[in-house]
């Protein structure tokens, strides 16, 4: 079972300032990007379409989680999910969607597709989980993108609008959508595996370092 940990505090309860700064910066950037996007889009802003983008959902999820984690512990498994979703966002945006106009203003696009994913990964590396992550976490995280795929296809058929070209069956059919979905699923699995491997590896290193420090500490008196 994954327990809650407070990544903004180090041993003894001392606040871990690098993590605090990164998390506060992520929250600020996501809010600013969202506000900028809404203002620039103006009358063209459609909330139901806006929150049908995986990019928006993953960034808002991370921002909310980071805001909460500044004041109380959050489960390591949930943290790992946020990191994985943002990594997937960055990978897809800079590969499958490279050069594609997804109608996102420049500032918001850079922040949501590049800056925030990088910062979230940095936070994971400087404040790794305190509990061991397993394949069960990967499978649990996979539920979200699968649900998103089903939602996007069902809603798209109803409103005749799809958030991303590779999810749009109107031109190339559902066969191509299926192929691209498999490609994205592989990318998701790779991102999740990287998050789990790096988190567990860094967790062991910190644990070993803490053990060495305890052994080297002089006896009182």
N, C-alpha and C. Protein backbone atom coordinates (compact mmCIF):
# COMPACT_ATOMS: atom_id res chain seq x y z
N UNK A 1 0.84 -1.20 0.00
CA UNK A 1 0.00 0.00 0.00
C UNK A 1 0.87 1.25 0.00
N UNK A 2 0.55 2.20 -0.84
CA UNK A 2 1.33 3.43 -0.93
C UNK A 2 0.90 4.38 0.17
N UNK A 3 1.85 4.89 0.94
CA UNK A 3 1.53 5.82 2.00
C UNK A 3 1.81 7.23 1.54
N UNK A 4 1.23 8.16 2.27
CA UNK A 4 1.46 9.56 1.92
C UNK A 4 2.81 10.00 2.42
N UNK A 5 3.48 10.80 1.64
CA UNK A 5 4.76 11.37 2.05
C UNK A 5 4.72 12.86 1.76
N UNK A 6 5.52 13.58 2.47
CA UNK A 6 5.57 15.02 2.27
C UNK A 6 6.89 15.37 1.60
N UNK A 7 6.90 15.52 0.27
CA UNK A 7 8.13 15.76 -0.46
C UNK A 7 8.70 17.15 -0.26
N UNK A 8 7.95 18.03 0.40
CA UNK A 8 8.47 19.37 0.65
C UNK A 8 9.20 19.45 1.98
N UNK A 9 9.31 18.30 2.68
CA UNK A 9 10.02 18.29 3.94
C UNK A 9 11.04 17.16 3.97
N UNK A 10 12.19 17.45 4.49
CA UNK A 10 13.25 16.46 4.57
C UNK A 10 13.25 15.77 5.91
N UNK A 11 14.35 15.06 6.22
CA UNK A 11 14.45 14.37 7.49
C UNK A 11 14.27 15.32 8.67
N UNK A 12 13.53 14.85 9.69
CA UNK A 12 13.32 15.68 10.87
C UNK A 12 12.24 16.73 10.67
N UNK A 13 11.59 16.75 9.52
CA UNK A 13 10.51 17.71 9.29
C UNK A 13 10.96 19.04 8.73
N UNK A 14 12.28 19.20 8.48
CA UNK A 14 12.76 20.46 7.91
C UNK A 14 12.24 20.63 6.48
N UNK A 15 11.81 21.83 6.15
CA UNK A 15 11.25 22.07 4.82
C UNK A 15 12.34 21.95 3.75
N UNK A 16 11.98 21.23 2.68
CA UNK A 16 12.89 21.05 1.55
C UNK A 16 12.61 22.17 0.56
N UNK A 17 13.39 23.23 0.64
CA UNK A 17 13.09 24.44 -0.11
C UNK A 17 13.16 24.29 -1.62
N UNK A 18 14.10 23.53 -2.18
CA UNK A 18 14.08 23.37 -3.64
C UNK A 18 12.76 22.82 -4.16
N UNK A 19 12.23 21.82 -3.46
CA UNK A 19 10.94 21.25 -3.88
C UNK A 19 9.82 22.26 -3.70
N UNK A 20 9.85 23.00 -2.61
CA UNK A 20 8.82 24.01 -2.37
C UNK A 20 8.81 25.05 -3.48
N UNK A 21 9.99 25.50 -3.87
CA UNK A 21 10.10 26.51 -4.93
C UNK A 21 9.59 25.97 -6.26
N UNK A 22 10.01 24.75 -6.62
CA UNK A 22 9.60 24.15 -7.89
C UNK A 22 8.09 23.97 -7.92
N UNK A 23 7.53 23.49 -6.85
CA UNK A 23 6.09 23.24 -6.81
C UNK A 23 5.29 24.54 -6.87
N UNK A 24 5.74 25.53 -6.14
CA UNK A 24 5.06 26.83 -6.20
C UNK A 24 5.16 27.43 -7.59
N UNK A 25 6.31 27.24 -8.24
CA UNK A 25 6.50 27.75 -9.59
C UNK A 25 5.56 27.05 -10.58
N UNK A 26 5.41 25.75 -10.44
CA UNK A 26 4.51 25.01 -11.32
C UNK A 26 3.08 25.51 -11.17
N UNK A 27 2.63 25.68 -9.93
CA UNK A 27 1.27 26.17 -9.69
C UNK A 27 1.08 27.54 -10.33
N UNK A 28 2.05 28.41 -10.14
CA UNK A 28 1.98 29.77 -10.69
C UNK A 28 1.96 29.75 -12.21
N UNK A 29 2.82 28.95 -12.81
CA UNK A 29 2.91 28.89 -14.27
C UNK A 29 1.63 28.34 -14.89
N UNK A 30 1.06 27.30 -14.31
CA UNK A 30 -0.16 26.72 -14.86
C UNK A 30 -1.31 27.73 -14.77
N UNK A 31 -1.42 28.40 -13.65
CA UNK A 31 -2.47 29.41 -13.50
C UNK A 31 -2.28 30.53 -14.52
N UNK A 32 -1.04 30.98 -14.68
CA UNK A 32 -0.78 32.08 -15.62
C UNK A 32 -1.04 31.65 -17.05
N UNK A 33 -0.65 30.41 -17.40
CA UNK A 33 -0.88 29.92 -18.76
C UNK A 33 -2.36 29.77 -19.06
N UNK A 34 -3.11 29.27 -18.08
CA UNK A 34 -4.55 29.11 -18.26
C UNK A 34 -5.23 30.47 -18.41
N UNK A 35 -4.84 31.42 -17.57
CA UNK A 35 -5.43 32.76 -17.65
C UNK A 35 -5.09 33.41 -18.99
N UNK A 36 -3.84 33.28 -19.40
CA UNK A 36 -3.40 33.86 -20.67
C UNK A 36 -4.17 33.24 -21.83
N UNK A 37 -4.32 31.92 -21.80
CA UNK A 37 -5.01 31.23 -22.87
C UNK A 37 -6.47 31.69 -22.97
N UNK A 38 -7.13 31.82 -21.84
CA UNK A 38 -8.54 32.24 -21.84
C UNK A 38 -8.69 33.66 -22.36
N UNK A 39 -7.78 34.54 -21.92
CA UNK A 39 -7.86 35.94 -22.35
C UNK A 39 -7.59 36.08 -23.84
N UNK A 40 -6.53 35.41 -24.32
CA UNK A 40 -6.17 35.51 -25.74
C UNK A 40 -7.22 34.87 -26.63
N UNK A 41 -7.79 33.76 -26.20
CA UNK A 41 -8.80 33.07 -27.00
C UNK A 41 -10.09 33.89 -27.09
N UNK A 42 -10.42 34.59 -26.02
CA UNK A 42 -11.58 35.48 -26.04
C UNK A 42 -12.89 34.75 -26.29
N UNK A 43 -13.67 35.23 -27.27
CA UNK A 43 -14.98 34.64 -27.56
C UNK A 43 -14.88 33.23 -28.10
N UNK A 44 -13.70 32.84 -28.57
CA UNK A 44 -13.53 31.49 -29.11
C UNK A 44 -13.32 30.44 -28.01
N UNK A 45 -13.19 30.92 -26.78
CA UNK A 45 -12.95 29.99 -25.67
C UNK A 45 -14.19 29.12 -25.42
N UNK A 46 -13.98 27.83 -25.47
CA UNK A 46 -15.05 26.86 -25.24
C UNK A 46 -14.62 25.95 -24.09
N UNK A 47 -15.19 26.13 -22.90
CA UNK A 47 -14.74 25.36 -21.73
C UNK A 47 -14.80 23.85 -21.92
N UNK A 48 -15.86 23.35 -22.55
CA UNK A 48 -15.98 21.90 -22.71
C UNK A 48 -14.90 21.35 -23.63
N UNK A 49 -14.56 22.09 -24.68
CA UNK A 49 -13.46 21.67 -25.55
C UNK A 49 -12.11 21.86 -24.86
N UNK A 50 -11.98 22.98 -24.17
CA UNK A 50 -10.73 23.30 -23.49
C UNK A 50 -10.31 22.19 -22.53
N UNK A 51 -11.27 21.75 -21.72
CA UNK A 51 -10.95 20.73 -20.73
C UNK A 51 -11.09 19.31 -21.29
N UNK A 52 -11.14 19.22 -22.62
CA UNK A 52 -11.09 17.91 -23.27
C UNK A 52 -9.71 17.61 -23.82
N UNK A 53 -8.77 18.55 -23.63
CA UNK A 53 -7.38 18.31 -24.01
C UNK A 53 -6.64 17.61 -22.86
N UNK A 54 -5.91 16.56 -23.18
CA UNK A 54 -5.14 15.86 -22.15
C UNK A 54 -4.08 16.78 -21.56
N UNK A 55 -3.55 17.67 -22.39
CA UNK A 55 -2.56 18.64 -21.91
C UNK A 55 -3.11 19.47 -20.78
N UNK A 56 -4.32 19.99 -20.95
CA UNK A 56 -4.94 20.83 -19.93
C UNK A 56 -5.22 20.02 -18.68
N UNK A 57 -5.81 18.84 -18.86
CA UNK A 57 -6.16 18.01 -17.71
C UNK A 57 -4.93 17.61 -16.90
N UNK A 58 -3.86 17.22 -17.58
CA UNK A 58 -2.65 16.79 -16.88
C UNK A 58 -1.98 17.96 -16.15
N UNK A 59 -1.96 19.13 -16.77
CA UNK A 59 -1.35 20.29 -16.13
C UNK A 59 -2.16 20.77 -14.93
N UNK A 60 -3.47 20.81 -15.08
CA UNK A 60 -4.32 21.24 -13.96
C UNK A 60 -4.23 20.24 -12.81
N UNK A 61 -4.21 18.96 -13.15
CA UNK A 61 -4.07 17.93 -12.12
C UNK A 61 -2.77 18.11 -11.34
N UNK A 62 -1.68 18.32 -12.06
CA UNK A 62 -0.39 18.51 -11.39
C UNK A 62 -0.38 19.77 -10.54
N UNK A 63 -0.96 20.85 -11.05
CA UNK A 63 -0.99 22.10 -10.30
C UNK A 63 -1.78 21.96 -9.01
N UNK A 64 -2.94 21.31 -9.08
CA UNK A 64 -3.75 21.09 -7.89
C UNK A 64 -3.01 20.20 -6.89
N UNK A 65 -2.41 19.13 -7.40
CA UNK A 65 -1.67 18.21 -6.53
C UNK A 65 -0.49 18.91 -5.87
N UNK A 66 0.23 19.71 -6.64
CA UNK A 66 1.37 20.42 -6.09
C UNK A 66 0.94 21.45 -5.04
N UNK A 67 -0.17 22.12 -5.31
CA UNK A 67 -0.67 23.11 -4.35
C UNK A 67 -1.03 22.42 -3.03
N UNK A 68 -1.68 21.27 -3.12
CA UNK A 68 -2.05 20.52 -1.92
C UNK A 68 -0.81 20.04 -1.18
N UNK A 69 0.19 19.56 -1.95
CA UNK A 69 1.39 19.00 -1.33
C UNK A 69 2.23 20.05 -0.60
N UNK A 70 1.99 21.31 -0.87
CA UNK A 70 2.71 22.36 -0.15
C UNK A 70 2.24 22.50 1.30
N UNK A 71 1.05 21.99 1.58
CA UNK A 71 0.50 22.13 2.93
C UNK A 71 0.22 20.81 3.62
N UNK A 72 0.18 19.70 2.84
CA UNK A 72 -0.06 18.40 3.45
C UNK A 72 0.52 17.30 2.57
N UNK A 73 0.81 16.13 3.15
CA UNK A 73 1.39 15.03 2.36
C UNK A 73 0.42 14.52 1.30
N UNK A 74 0.98 14.01 0.22
CA UNK A 74 0.18 13.36 -0.83
C UNK A 74 0.78 11.99 -1.09
N UNK A 75 -0.04 11.03 -1.54
CA UNK A 75 0.48 9.68 -1.80
C UNK A 75 1.52 9.66 -2.91
N UNK A 76 2.55 8.86 -2.73
CA UNK A 76 3.59 8.76 -3.75
C UNK A 76 3.03 8.25 -5.08
N UNK A 77 2.05 7.35 -5.02
CA UNK A 77 1.46 6.83 -6.24
C UNK A 77 0.76 7.91 -7.05
N UNK A 78 0.13 8.85 -6.36
CA UNK A 78 -0.54 9.96 -7.04
C UNK A 78 0.49 10.91 -7.63
N UNK A 79 1.55 11.16 -6.90
CA UNK A 79 2.64 11.98 -7.42
C UNK A 79 3.20 11.37 -8.69
N UNK A 80 3.44 10.06 -8.64
CA UNK A 80 3.99 9.38 -9.81
C UNK A 80 3.07 9.47 -11.01
N UNK A 81 1.77 9.41 -10.76
CA UNK A 81 0.81 9.54 -11.86
C UNK A 81 0.92 10.91 -12.51
N UNK A 82 1.01 11.95 -11.69
CA UNK A 82 1.13 13.31 -12.23
C UNK A 82 2.38 13.47 -13.08
N UNK A 83 3.49 12.92 -12.59
CA UNK A 83 4.74 13.00 -13.35
C UNK A 83 4.62 12.26 -14.68
N UNK A 84 4.02 11.08 -14.64
CA UNK A 84 3.86 10.28 -15.86
C UNK A 84 2.98 10.99 -16.88
N UNK A 85 1.86 11.55 -16.42
CA UNK A 85 0.95 12.24 -17.34
C UNK A 85 1.63 13.44 -17.98
N UNK A 86 2.41 14.18 -17.20
CA UNK A 86 3.09 15.35 -17.76
C UNK A 86 4.21 14.94 -18.70
N UNK A 87 4.92 13.87 -18.38
CA UNK A 87 5.95 13.38 -19.31
C UNK A 87 5.32 12.97 -20.63
N UNK A 88 4.20 12.26 -20.56
CA UNK A 88 3.51 11.86 -21.78
C UNK A 88 3.07 13.08 -22.57
N UNK A 89 2.57 14.09 -21.88
CA UNK A 89 2.17 15.33 -22.53
C UNK A 89 3.34 15.94 -23.30
N UNK A 90 4.49 16.01 -22.65
CA UNK A 90 5.66 16.59 -23.31
C UNK A 90 6.13 15.77 -24.49
N UNK A 91 6.14 14.44 -24.34
CA UNK A 91 6.60 13.56 -25.41
C UNK A 91 5.68 13.66 -26.63
N UNK A 92 4.37 13.56 -26.41
CA UNK A 92 3.42 13.60 -27.51
C UNK A 92 3.44 14.97 -28.19
N UNK A 93 3.49 16.03 -27.40
CA UNK A 93 3.48 17.39 -27.96
C UNK A 93 4.69 17.64 -28.84
N UNK A 94 5.82 17.05 -28.48
CA UNK A 94 7.05 17.31 -29.22
C UNK A 94 7.41 16.23 -30.22
N UNK A 95 6.47 15.30 -30.46
CA UNK A 95 6.66 14.28 -31.50
C UNK A 95 5.43 14.23 -32.41
N UNK A 96 4.36 13.63 -31.95
CA UNK A 96 3.16 13.47 -32.77
C UNK A 96 2.51 14.80 -33.13
N UNK A 97 2.64 15.79 -32.25
CA UNK A 97 1.98 17.07 -32.49
C UNK A 97 2.95 18.17 -32.91
N UNK A 98 4.19 17.81 -33.15
CA UNK A 98 5.19 18.81 -33.55
C UNK A 98 4.78 19.44 -34.89
N UNK A 99 4.60 20.74 -34.89
CA UNK A 99 4.21 21.44 -36.11
C UNK A 99 2.73 21.46 -36.38
N UNK A 100 1.94 20.79 -35.51
CA UNK A 100 0.48 20.76 -35.67
C UNK A 100 -0.13 21.91 -34.89
N UNK A 101 -1.05 22.64 -35.50
CA UNK A 101 -1.71 23.76 -34.84
C UNK A 101 -2.85 23.23 -33.97
N UNK A 102 -2.62 23.23 -32.65
CA UNK A 102 -3.67 22.79 -31.73
C UNK A 102 -4.36 24.00 -31.10
N UNK A 103 -4.19 25.16 -31.73
CA UNK A 103 -4.87 26.39 -31.34
C UNK A 103 -4.55 26.80 -29.90
N UNK A 104 -3.28 26.64 -29.53
CA UNK A 104 -2.83 27.07 -28.20
C UNK A 104 -1.86 28.24 -28.37
N UNK A 105 -2.16 29.40 -27.76
CA UNK A 105 -1.26 30.55 -27.85
C UNK A 105 0.16 30.19 -27.43
N UNK A 106 1.13 30.88 -28.00
CA UNK A 106 2.55 30.50 -27.84
C UNK A 106 2.99 30.36 -26.39
N UNK A 107 2.69 31.38 -25.57
CA UNK A 107 3.14 31.31 -24.16
C UNK A 107 2.56 30.10 -23.45
N UNK A 108 1.25 29.90 -23.60
CA UNK A 108 0.60 28.77 -22.95
C UNK A 108 1.14 27.45 -23.47
N UNK A 109 1.41 27.39 -24.76
CA UNK A 109 1.91 26.16 -25.36
C UNK A 109 3.28 25.79 -24.79
N UNK A 110 4.17 26.76 -24.71
CA UNK A 110 5.51 26.50 -24.18
C UNK A 110 5.45 26.08 -22.72
N UNK A 111 4.64 26.77 -21.94
CA UNK A 111 4.53 26.46 -20.51
C UNK A 111 3.94 25.08 -20.28
N UNK A 112 2.81 24.80 -20.93
CA UNK A 112 2.07 23.57 -20.67
C UNK A 112 2.68 22.34 -21.33
N UNK A 113 3.34 22.53 -22.48
CA UNK A 113 3.90 21.40 -23.20
C UNK A 113 5.36 21.12 -22.90
N UNK A 114 6.08 22.13 -22.38
CA UNK A 114 7.52 21.95 -22.19
C UNK A 114 7.98 22.29 -20.77
N UNK A 115 7.70 23.50 -20.32
CA UNK A 115 8.26 23.97 -19.05
C UNK A 115 7.73 23.17 -17.87
N UNK A 116 6.41 23.04 -17.77
CA UNK A 116 5.83 22.33 -16.63
C UNK A 116 6.22 20.85 -16.61
N UNK A 117 6.17 20.14 -17.75
CA UNK A 117 6.65 18.75 -17.72
C UNK A 117 8.08 18.61 -17.22
N UNK A 118 8.95 19.53 -17.63
CA UNK A 118 10.35 19.48 -17.17
C UNK A 118 10.43 19.74 -15.67
N UNK A 119 9.71 20.74 -15.19
CA UNK A 119 9.75 21.06 -13.76
C UNK A 119 9.20 19.93 -12.91
N UNK A 120 8.15 19.29 -13.38
CA UNK A 120 7.56 18.18 -12.63
C UNK A 120 8.55 17.02 -12.55
N UNK A 121 9.26 16.77 -13.64
CA UNK A 121 10.29 15.72 -13.62
C UNK A 121 11.43 16.10 -12.68
N UNK A 122 11.84 17.36 -12.71
CA UNK A 122 12.90 17.83 -11.81
C UNK A 122 12.48 17.62 -10.35
N UNK A 123 11.24 17.96 -10.03
CA UNK A 123 10.75 17.78 -8.67
C UNK A 123 10.80 16.31 -8.26
N UNK A 124 10.44 15.41 -9.17
CA UNK A 124 10.48 13.98 -8.88
C UNK A 124 11.91 13.51 -8.58
N UNK A 125 12.87 14.08 -9.31
CA UNK A 125 14.26 13.66 -9.14
C UNK A 125 14.89 14.22 -7.86
N UNK A 126 14.49 15.44 -7.48
CA UNK A 126 15.09 16.02 -6.26
C UNK A 126 14.34 15.61 -5.00
N UNK A 127 13.10 15.14 -5.15
CA UNK A 127 12.33 14.66 -4.00
C UNK A 127 11.67 13.33 -4.38
N UNK A 128 12.45 12.27 -4.47
CA UNK A 128 11.91 10.97 -4.89
C UNK A 128 10.93 10.41 -3.87
N UNK A 129 10.15 9.41 -4.27
CA UNK A 129 9.15 8.83 -3.35
C UNK A 129 9.82 8.15 -2.17
N UNK A 130 9.07 8.04 -1.09
CA UNK A 130 9.58 7.36 0.09
C UNK A 130 9.07 5.93 0.18
N UNK A 131 8.18 5.57 -0.72
CA UNK A 131 7.67 4.21 -0.78
C UNK A 131 8.00 3.61 -2.14
N UNK A 132 8.10 2.29 -2.19
CA UNK A 132 8.46 1.60 -3.42
C UNK A 132 7.28 1.55 -4.38
N UNK A 133 7.52 1.90 -5.65
CA UNK A 133 6.49 1.84 -6.67
C UNK A 133 6.63 0.55 -7.46
N UNK A 134 5.51 -0.01 -7.93
CA UNK A 134 5.52 -1.30 -8.61
C UNK A 134 4.71 -1.22 -9.91
N UNK A 135 4.64 -2.37 -10.59
CA UNK A 135 3.86 -2.46 -11.82
C UNK A 135 2.39 -2.17 -11.55
N UNK A 136 1.92 -2.44 -10.35
CA UNK A 136 0.52 -2.16 -10.02
C UNK A 136 0.22 -0.67 -10.16
N UNK A 137 1.20 0.16 -9.84
CA UNK A 137 1.01 1.59 -10.02
C UNK A 137 0.88 1.94 -11.49
N UNK A 138 1.73 1.34 -12.33
CA UNK A 138 1.68 1.59 -13.76
C UNK A 138 0.30 1.23 -14.32
N UNK A 139 -0.22 0.06 -13.91
CA UNK A 139 -1.53 -0.38 -14.40
C UNK A 139 -2.64 0.56 -13.91
N UNK A 140 -2.51 1.03 -12.68
CA UNK A 140 -3.51 1.97 -12.15
C UNK A 140 -3.46 3.29 -12.90
N UNK A 141 -2.25 3.76 -13.20
CA UNK A 141 -2.11 5.02 -13.94
C UNK A 141 -2.68 4.89 -15.34
N UNK A 142 -2.58 3.70 -15.93
CA UNK A 142 -3.05 3.48 -17.30
C UNK A 142 -4.56 3.66 -17.43
N UNK A 143 -5.29 3.52 -16.33
CA UNK A 143 -6.75 3.66 -16.38
C UNK A 143 -7.14 5.05 -16.90
N UNK A 144 -6.38 6.07 -16.51
CA UNK A 144 -6.72 7.44 -16.89
C UNK A 144 -6.62 7.67 -18.39
N UNK A 145 -5.49 7.37 -19.05
CA UNK A 145 -5.44 7.59 -20.50
C UNK A 145 -6.42 6.72 -21.28
N UNK A 146 -6.71 5.50 -20.79
CA UNK A 146 -7.71 4.66 -21.46
C UNK A 146 -9.08 5.31 -21.36
N UNK A 147 -9.41 5.79 -20.16
CA UNK A 147 -10.70 6.47 -19.99
C UNK A 147 -10.76 7.73 -20.84
N UNK A 148 -9.63 8.43 -20.95
CA UNK A 148 -9.58 9.64 -21.78
C UNK A 148 -9.81 9.30 -23.25
N UNK A 149 -9.23 8.20 -23.72
CA UNK A 149 -9.42 7.78 -25.10
C UNK A 149 -10.89 7.50 -25.39
N UNK A 150 -11.53 6.74 -24.51
CA UNK A 150 -12.95 6.41 -24.68
C UNK A 150 -13.78 7.68 -24.68
N UNK A 151 -13.50 8.56 -23.71
CA UNK A 151 -14.23 9.83 -23.62
C UNK A 151 -14.08 10.66 -24.90
N UNK A 152 -12.85 10.76 -25.41
CA UNK A 152 -12.58 11.59 -26.59
C UNK A 152 -13.30 11.06 -27.82
N UNK A 153 -13.31 9.73 -27.99
CA UNK A 153 -13.95 9.15 -29.16
C UNK A 153 -15.47 9.25 -29.08
N UNK A 154 -16.02 9.00 -27.90
CA UNK A 154 -17.48 9.09 -27.74
C UNK A 154 -17.95 10.53 -27.88
N UNK A 155 -17.27 11.45 -27.18
CA UNK A 155 -17.66 12.86 -27.26
C UNK A 155 -17.44 13.40 -28.67
N UNK A 156 -16.33 13.00 -29.30
CA UNK A 156 -16.05 13.48 -30.65
C UNK A 156 -17.13 13.10 -31.63
N UNK A 157 -17.63 11.85 -31.51
CA UNK A 157 -18.70 11.41 -32.40
C UNK A 157 -19.99 12.18 -32.15
N UNK A 158 -20.19 12.63 -30.92
CA UNK A 158 -21.43 13.35 -30.58
C UNK A 158 -21.38 14.82 -31.00
N UNK A 159 -20.22 15.46 -30.82
CA UNK A 159 -20.13 16.90 -31.09
C UNK A 159 -19.34 17.22 -32.35
N UNK A 160 -18.81 16.19 -33.02
CA UNK A 160 -18.04 16.36 -34.25
C UNK A 160 -16.80 17.23 -34.03
N UNK A 161 -16.09 16.94 -32.94
CA UNK A 161 -14.86 17.66 -32.63
C UNK A 161 -13.95 16.73 -31.84
N UNK A 162 -12.68 16.70 -32.22
CA UNK A 162 -11.69 15.85 -31.56
C UNK A 162 -10.51 16.72 -31.14
N UNK A 163 -9.96 16.48 -29.95
CA UNK A 163 -8.88 17.34 -29.44
C UNK A 163 -7.58 17.24 -30.21
N UNK A 164 -7.28 16.04 -30.75
CA UNK A 164 -6.00 15.85 -31.43
C UNK A 164 -6.21 15.13 -32.77
N UNK A 165 -5.40 15.44 -33.78
CA UNK A 165 -5.54 14.81 -35.10
C UNK A 165 -5.45 13.28 -35.05
N UNK A 166 -4.58 12.74 -34.19
CA UNK A 166 -4.42 11.28 -34.17
C UNK A 166 -5.59 10.57 -33.50
N UNK A 167 -6.52 11.35 -32.91
CA UNK A 167 -7.73 10.76 -32.34
C UNK A 167 -8.94 11.00 -33.22
N UNK A 168 -8.72 11.62 -34.36
CA UNK A 168 -9.82 11.99 -35.26
C UNK A 168 -10.00 10.92 -36.35
N UNK A 169 -11.10 10.15 -36.30
CA UNK A 169 -11.31 9.08 -37.28
C UNK A 169 -11.99 9.54 -38.57
N UNK A 170 -12.32 10.81 -38.68
CA UNK A 170 -13.11 11.28 -39.81
C UNK A 170 -12.36 11.21 -41.13
N UNK A 171 -11.03 11.33 -41.08
CA UNK A 171 -10.25 11.31 -42.32
C UNK A 171 -9.62 9.96 -42.59
N UNK A 172 -8.98 9.36 -41.58
CA UNK A 172 -8.23 8.12 -41.80
C UNK A 172 -8.89 6.90 -41.17
N UNK A 173 -10.03 7.07 -40.53
CA UNK A 173 -10.77 5.95 -39.98
C UNK A 173 -10.30 5.51 -38.60
N UNK A 174 -11.07 4.61 -38.03
CA UNK A 174 -10.77 4.14 -36.67
C UNK A 174 -9.56 3.22 -36.64
N UNK A 175 -9.21 2.62 -37.78
CA UNK A 175 -8.03 1.78 -37.82
C UNK A 175 -6.77 2.57 -37.49
N UNK A 176 -6.64 3.75 -38.10
CA UNK A 176 -5.48 4.59 -37.82
C UNK A 176 -5.51 5.11 -36.39
N UNK A 177 -6.71 5.43 -35.90
CA UNK A 177 -6.84 5.87 -34.50
C UNK A 177 -6.35 4.75 -33.58
N UNK A 178 -6.71 3.52 -33.89
CA UNK A 178 -6.27 2.38 -33.07
C UNK A 178 -4.75 2.25 -33.09
N UNK A 179 -4.17 2.39 -34.28
CA UNK A 179 -2.70 2.28 -34.41
C UNK A 179 -2.02 3.37 -33.59
N UNK A 180 -2.49 4.60 -33.73
CA UNK A 180 -1.89 5.72 -33.00
C UNK A 180 -2.11 5.59 -31.49
N UNK A 181 -3.24 5.01 -31.11
CA UNK A 181 -3.51 4.79 -29.69
C UNK A 181 -2.51 3.80 -29.10
N UNK A 182 -2.16 2.80 -29.89
CA UNK A 182 -1.16 1.82 -29.44
C UNK A 182 0.20 2.51 -29.30
N UNK A 183 0.52 3.38 -30.24
CA UNK A 183 1.79 4.12 -30.17
C UNK A 183 1.84 4.96 -28.91
N UNK A 184 0.75 5.66 -28.62
CA UNK A 184 0.70 6.50 -27.42
C UNK A 184 0.74 5.63 -26.17
N UNK A 185 0.10 4.48 -26.20
CA UNK A 185 0.12 3.57 -25.05
C UNK A 185 1.55 3.09 -24.77
N UNK A 186 2.31 2.82 -25.83
CA UNK A 186 3.70 2.41 -25.66
C UNK A 186 4.52 3.56 -25.05
N UNK A 187 4.27 4.77 -25.54
CA UNK A 187 4.96 5.94 -24.98
C UNK A 187 4.59 6.12 -23.51
N UNK A 188 3.31 5.91 -23.19
CA UNK A 188 2.88 6.03 -21.80
C UNK A 188 3.59 5.00 -20.93
N UNK A 189 3.65 3.75 -21.42
CA UNK A 189 4.32 2.71 -20.65
C UNK A 189 5.79 3.03 -20.42
N UNK A 190 6.44 3.60 -21.43
CA UNK A 190 7.85 3.98 -21.29
C UNK A 190 8.01 5.09 -20.25
N UNK A 191 7.12 6.08 -20.30
CA UNK A 191 7.17 7.18 -19.33
C UNK A 191 6.93 6.66 -17.91
N UNK A 192 5.93 5.79 -17.77
CA UNK A 192 5.62 5.25 -16.44
C UNK A 192 6.78 4.41 -15.91
N UNK A 193 7.37 3.60 -16.79
CA UNK A 193 8.50 2.77 -16.38
C UNK A 193 9.68 3.63 -15.93
N UNK A 194 9.92 4.72 -16.64
CA UNK A 194 11.00 5.64 -16.28
C UNK A 194 10.73 6.27 -14.92
N UNK A 195 9.49 6.68 -14.68
CA UNK A 195 9.14 7.30 -13.40
C UNK A 195 9.32 6.30 -12.26
N UNK A 196 8.85 5.08 -12.46
CA UNK A 196 8.97 4.06 -11.41
C UNK A 196 10.43 3.69 -11.17
N UNK A 197 11.18 3.46 -12.24
CA UNK A 197 12.59 3.07 -12.09
C UNK A 197 13.39 4.17 -11.40
N UNK A 198 13.23 5.40 -11.87
CA UNK A 198 14.01 6.50 -11.29
C UNK A 198 13.61 6.76 -9.85
N UNK A 199 12.31 6.70 -9.56
CA UNK A 199 11.85 6.92 -8.19
C UNK A 199 12.40 5.88 -7.24
N UNK A 200 12.32 4.62 -7.62
CA UNK A 200 12.81 3.55 -6.75
C UNK A 200 14.33 3.60 -6.58
N UNK A 201 15.03 3.90 -7.66
CA UNK A 201 16.49 3.96 -7.60
C UNK A 201 16.95 5.10 -6.68
N UNK A 202 16.35 6.28 -6.84
CA UNK A 202 16.73 7.41 -6.01
C UNK A 202 16.30 7.20 -4.56
N UNK A 203 15.19 6.53 -4.37
CA UNK A 203 14.73 6.22 -3.01
C UNK A 203 15.75 5.34 -2.30
N UNK A 204 16.26 4.32 -3.01
CA UNK A 204 17.26 3.43 -2.41
C UNK A 204 18.55 4.18 -2.10
N UNK A 205 18.95 5.08 -2.99
CA UNK A 205 20.18 5.84 -2.76
C UNK A 205 20.04 6.73 -1.53
N UNK A 206 18.88 7.37 -1.39
CA UNK A 206 18.66 8.22 -0.22
C UNK A 206 18.64 7.39 1.06
N UNK A 207 18.01 6.22 0.99
CA UNK A 207 17.95 5.35 2.16
C UNK A 207 19.34 4.88 2.55
N UNK A 208 20.14 4.50 1.54
CA UNK A 208 21.51 4.05 1.82
C UNK A 208 22.35 5.20 2.38
N UNK A 209 22.18 6.39 1.84
CA UNK A 209 22.93 7.56 2.33
C UNK A 209 22.55 7.87 3.78
N UNK A 210 21.25 7.75 4.07
CA UNK A 210 20.80 8.01 5.44
C UNK A 210 21.38 6.98 6.40
N UNK A 211 21.48 5.72 5.93
CA UNK A 211 22.07 4.68 6.77
C UNK A 211 23.54 4.92 7.03
N UNK A 212 24.26 5.36 6.00
CA UNK A 212 25.68 5.67 6.16
C UNK A 212 25.86 6.82 7.14
N UNK A 213 25.02 7.84 7.02
CA UNK A 213 25.12 9.01 7.92
C UNK A 213 24.86 8.60 9.36
N UNK A 214 23.90 7.69 9.55
CA UNK A 214 23.57 7.24 10.92
C UNK A 214 24.73 6.46 11.50
N UNK A 215 25.37 5.63 10.68
CA UNK A 215 26.50 4.83 11.19
C UNK A 215 27.71 5.69 11.52
N UNK A 216 27.87 6.79 10.77
CA UNK A 216 29.04 7.65 10.98
C UNK A 216 28.83 8.67 12.10
N UNK A 217 27.57 8.81 12.55
CA UNK A 217 27.30 9.80 13.59
C UNK A 217 27.94 9.37 14.89
N UNK A 218 28.72 10.24 15.56
CA UNK A 218 29.40 9.85 16.81
C UNK A 218 28.39 9.59 17.92
N UNK A 219 28.76 8.65 18.78
CA UNK A 219 27.91 8.33 19.93
C UNK A 219 27.88 9.51 20.89
N UNK A 220 26.70 9.82 21.50
CA UNK A 220 26.64 10.92 22.45
C UNK A 220 27.46 10.65 23.70
N UNK A 221 28.02 11.70 24.27
CA UNK A 221 28.80 11.56 25.48
C UNK A 221 30.25 11.34 25.18
